Amino acid sequence: MASRVGGIPEIVKDGETGILVEPNNPEQLADAITYLLENPEEAVEMGRRGRRRVLKEFTWEKIAEKTFKLYCSLLD
């Protein structure tokens, strides 16, 4: 679980690779913790999906490719 701040929502996909909560919202955080504790299989599966996503989407090659495309689009 993570807060919806900065670039975190770009990495953590709510309900798929983790649970996103609003910043400074202890009730949402408590609900997310409770959900994961009551659903350990889902917690493990979210972790697996998150790991696969990071290994696929956030390699140096992918980041360089996205950065290059961004620079090219800015120069057009």
N, C-alpha and C. Protein backbone atom coordinates (compact mmCIF):
# COMPACT_ATOMS: atom_id res chain seq x y z
N MET A 1 0.84 -1.15 0.00
CA MET A 1 0.00 0.00 0.00
C MET A 1 0.89 1.23 0.00
N ALA A 2 0.33 2.30 -0.56
CA ALA A 2 1.10 3.54 -0.69
C ALA A 2 0.13 4.71 -0.77
N SER A 3 0.66 5.89 -0.53
CA SER A 3 -0.16 7.11 -0.63
C SER A 3 -0.18 7.62 -2.06
N ARG A 4 -1.25 8.27 -2.42
CA ARG A 4 -1.39 8.90 -3.74
C ARG A 4 -0.65 10.23 -3.73
N VAL A 5 0.65 10.17 -3.78
CA VAL A 5 1.46 11.39 -3.81
C VAL A 5 2.55 11.22 -4.86
N GLY A 6 2.96 12.35 -5.43
CA GLY A 6 4.06 12.33 -6.39
C GLY A 6 3.83 11.33 -7.50
N GLY A 7 4.89 10.61 -7.83
CA GLY A 7 4.84 9.65 -8.92
C GLY A 7 4.40 8.25 -8.52
N ILE A 8 4.05 8.08 -7.25
CA ILE A 8 3.69 6.74 -6.78
C ILE A 8 2.53 6.13 -7.57
N PRO A 9 1.46 6.89 -7.87
CA PRO A 9 0.37 6.28 -8.64
C PRO A 9 0.78 5.82 -10.05
N GLU A 10 1.89 6.33 -10.56
CA GLU A 10 2.38 5.85 -11.85
C GLU A 10 2.99 4.46 -11.73
N ILE A 11 3.43 4.13 -10.54
CA ILE A 11 4.09 2.84 -10.31
C ILE A 11 3.11 1.82 -9.73
N VAL A 12 2.39 2.23 -8.70
CA VAL A 12 1.43 1.33 -8.04
C VAL A 12 0.06 1.50 -8.68
N LYS A 13 -0.45 0.44 -9.25
CA LYS A 13 -1.79 0.45 -9.85
C LYS A 13 -2.79 -0.04 -8.81
N ASP A 14 -3.67 0.86 -8.40
CA ASP A 14 -4.60 0.58 -7.31
C ASP A 14 -5.44 -0.66 -7.60
N GLY A 15 -5.42 -1.59 -6.64
CA GLY A 15 -6.20 -2.81 -6.77
C GLY A 15 -5.55 -3.87 -7.63
N GLU A 16 -4.47 -3.53 -8.30
CA GLU A 16 -3.78 -4.48 -9.18
C GLU A 16 -2.41 -4.85 -8.61
N THR A 17 -1.60 -3.84 -8.37
CA THR A 17 -0.25 -4.09 -7.85
C THR A 17 -0.08 -3.54 -6.44
N GLY A 18 -1.16 -3.08 -5.87
CA GLY A 18 -1.12 -2.54 -4.52
C GLY A 18 -2.41 -1.80 -4.22
N ILE A 19 -2.42 -1.13 -3.09
CA ILE A 19 -3.57 -0.33 -2.70
C ILE A 19 -3.08 1.09 -2.47
N LEU A 20 -3.73 2.04 -3.13
CA LEU A 20 -3.40 3.45 -2.95
C LEU A 20 -4.40 4.08 -1.99
N VAL A 21 -3.87 4.89 -1.08
CA VAL A 21 -4.72 5.63 -0.15
C VAL A 21 -4.40 7.11 -0.27
N GLU A 22 -5.39 7.93 0.09
CA GLU A 22 -5.17 9.36 0.07
C GLU A 22 -4.20 9.75 1.18
N PRO A 23 -3.33 10.73 0.92
CA PRO A 23 -2.40 11.15 1.97
C PRO A 23 -3.17 11.73 3.17
N ASN A 24 -2.59 11.56 4.33
CA ASN A 24 -3.17 12.09 5.58
C ASN A 24 -4.57 11.56 5.85
N ASN A 25 -4.81 10.30 5.47
CA ASN A 25 -6.11 9.69 5.70
C ASN A 25 -5.90 8.38 6.47
N PRO A 26 -5.80 8.48 7.80
CA PRO A 26 -5.52 7.28 8.58
C PRO A 26 -6.60 6.21 8.48
N GLU A 27 -7.85 6.62 8.23
CA GLU A 27 -8.93 5.63 8.10
C GLU A 27 -8.71 4.76 6.86
N GLN A 28 -8.36 5.39 5.73
CA GLN A 28 -8.10 4.61 4.51
C GLN A 28 -6.89 3.70 4.71
N LEU A 29 -5.88 4.21 5.38
CA LEU A 29 -4.68 3.40 5.63
C LEU A 29 -5.04 2.19 6.49
N ALA A 30 -5.82 2.42 7.55
CA ALA A 30 -6.24 1.31 8.41
C ALA A 30 -7.07 0.30 7.63
N ASP A 31 -7.97 0.79 6.77
CA ASP A 31 -8.79 -0.12 5.96
C ASP A 31 -7.93 -0.95 5.02
N ALA A 32 -6.91 -0.33 4.42
CA ALA A 32 -6.02 -1.05 3.51
C ALA A 32 -5.23 -2.11 4.26
N ILE A 33 -4.73 -1.76 5.43
CA ILE A 33 -3.98 -2.73 6.24
C ILE A 33 -4.89 -3.90 6.61
N THR A 34 -6.09 -3.58 7.07
CA THR A 34 -7.04 -4.63 7.45
C THR A 34 -7.35 -5.54 6.27
N TYR A 35 -7.60 -4.94 5.11
CA TYR A 35 -7.91 -5.74 3.92
C TYR A 35 -6.78 -6.71 3.60
N LEU A 36 -5.55 -6.21 3.61
CA LEU A 36 -4.42 -7.07 3.26
C LEU A 36 -4.19 -8.16 4.30
N LEU A 37 -4.41 -7.83 5.57
CA LEU A 37 -4.27 -8.85 6.61
C LEU A 37 -5.35 -9.92 6.50
N GLU A 38 -6.55 -9.51 6.10
CA GLU A 38 -7.65 -10.47 5.97
C GLU A 38 -7.63 -11.23 4.65
N ASN A 39 -6.83 -10.76 3.71
CA ASN A 39 -6.74 -11.38 2.38
C ASN A 39 -5.28 -11.61 2.00
N PRO A 40 -4.59 -12.47 2.75
CA PRO A 40 -3.15 -12.64 2.50
C PRO A 40 -2.82 -13.16 1.11
N GLU A 41 -3.70 -13.99 0.54
CA GLU A 41 -3.43 -14.49 -0.81
C GLU A 41 -3.44 -13.34 -1.82
N GLU A 42 -4.39 -12.44 -1.66
CA GLU A 42 -4.46 -11.27 -2.54
C GLU A 42 -3.25 -10.36 -2.34
N ALA A 43 -2.81 -10.22 -1.10
CA ALA A 43 -1.63 -9.41 -0.82
C ALA A 43 -0.41 -9.98 -1.53
N VAL A 44 -0.25 -11.29 -1.47
CA VAL A 44 0.88 -11.95 -2.14
C VAL A 44 0.77 -11.77 -3.65
N GLU A 45 -0.43 -11.94 -4.19
CA GLU A 45 -0.61 -11.80 -5.64
C GLU A 45 -0.36 -10.36 -6.09
N MET A 46 -0.80 -9.38 -5.32
CA MET A 46 -0.50 -7.98 -5.66
C MET A 46 1.01 -7.75 -5.69
N GLY A 47 1.69 -8.33 -4.71
CA GLY A 47 3.14 -8.21 -4.68
C GLY A 47 3.79 -8.83 -5.91
N ARG A 48 3.30 -9.99 -6.31
CA ARG A 48 3.84 -10.64 -7.52
C ARG A 48 3.60 -9.80 -8.77
N ARG A 49 2.37 -9.29 -8.89
CA ARG A 49 2.06 -8.44 -10.05
C ARG A 49 2.90 -7.17 -10.03
N GLY A 50 3.10 -6.61 -8.86
CA GLY A 50 3.92 -5.41 -8.76
C GLY A 50 5.36 -5.67 -9.16
N ARG A 51 5.89 -6.78 -8.72
CA ARG A 51 7.28 -7.14 -9.09
C ARG A 51 7.41 -7.33 -10.59
N ARG A 52 6.45 -8.05 -11.18
CA ARG A 52 6.49 -8.25 -12.64
C ARG A 52 6.42 -6.92 -13.37
N ARG A 53 5.55 -6.03 -12.89
CA ARG A 53 5.40 -4.72 -13.53
C ARG A 53 6.69 -3.92 -13.46
N VAL A 54 7.31 -3.90 -12.31
CA VAL A 54 8.56 -3.14 -12.16
C VAL A 54 9.65 -3.73 -13.04
N LEU A 55 9.79 -5.04 -13.05
CA LEU A 55 10.82 -5.67 -13.87
C LEU A 55 10.59 -5.46 -15.36
N LYS A 56 9.32 -5.30 -15.76
CA LYS A 56 8.99 -5.11 -17.17
C LYS A 56 9.04 -3.64 -17.58
N GLU A 57 8.46 -2.76 -16.77
CA GLU A 57 8.25 -1.37 -17.17
C GLU A 57 9.32 -0.39 -16.69
N PHE A 58 10.11 -0.75 -15.71
CA PHE A 58 11.02 0.22 -15.12
C PHE A 58 12.48 -0.21 -15.19
N THR A 59 12.83 -0.84 -16.31
CA THR A 59 14.24 -1.16 -16.55
C THR A 59 14.94 0.10 -17.05
N TRP A 60 16.25 0.12 -17.00
CA TRP A 60 16.99 1.28 -17.52
C TRP A 60 16.68 1.49 -19.00
N GLU A 61 16.55 0.39 -19.73
CA GLU A 61 16.25 0.51 -21.16
C GLU A 61 14.90 1.17 -21.40
N LYS A 62 13.88 0.75 -20.65
CA LYS A 62 12.54 1.33 -20.81
C LYS A 62 12.53 2.80 -20.41
N ILE A 63 13.21 3.13 -19.32
CA ILE A 63 13.25 4.52 -18.87
C ILE A 63 13.97 5.38 -19.90
N ALA A 64 15.08 4.88 -20.43
CA ALA A 64 15.82 5.63 -21.46
C ALA A 64 14.96 5.81 -22.70
N GLU A 65 14.24 4.77 -23.10
CA GLU A 65 13.37 4.84 -24.28
C GLU A 65 12.27 5.89 -24.08
N LYS A 66 11.63 5.87 -22.92
CA LYS A 66 10.56 6.84 -22.64
C LYS A 66 11.11 8.26 -22.59
N THR A 67 12.29 8.42 -22.00
CA THR A 67 12.91 9.75 -21.92
C THR A 67 13.27 10.24 -23.31
N PHE A 68 13.83 9.37 -24.14
CA PHE A 68 14.20 9.73 -25.51
C PHE A 68 12.96 10.17 -26.29
N LYS A 69 11.88 9.39 -26.18
CA LYS A 69 10.63 9.73 -26.88
C LYS A 69 10.08 11.07 -26.40
N LEU A 70 10.18 11.32 -25.12
CA LEU A 70 9.72 12.60 -24.59
C LEU A 70 10.52 13.75 -25.17
N TYR A 71 11.85 13.63 -25.17
CA TYR A 71 12.70 14.68 -25.74
C TYR A 71 12.40 14.89 -27.22
N CYS A 72 12.23 13.80 -27.95
CA CYS A 72 11.91 13.92 -29.39
C CYS A 72 10.59 14.64 -29.60
N SER A 73 9.60 14.33 -28.78
CA SER A 73 8.30 14.99 -28.93
C SER A 73 8.39 16.47 -28.59
N LEU A 74 9.26 16.84 -27.69
CA LEU A 74 9.43 18.25 -27.34
C LEU A 74 10.16 19.02 -28.43
N LEU A 75 10.99 18.33 -29.19
CA LEU A 75 11.75 18.98 -30.26
C LEU A 75 10.97 19.09 -31.56
N ASP A 76 9.90 18.33 -31.70
CA ASP A 76 9.09 18.37 -32.93
C ASP A 76 8.26 19.63 -33.02
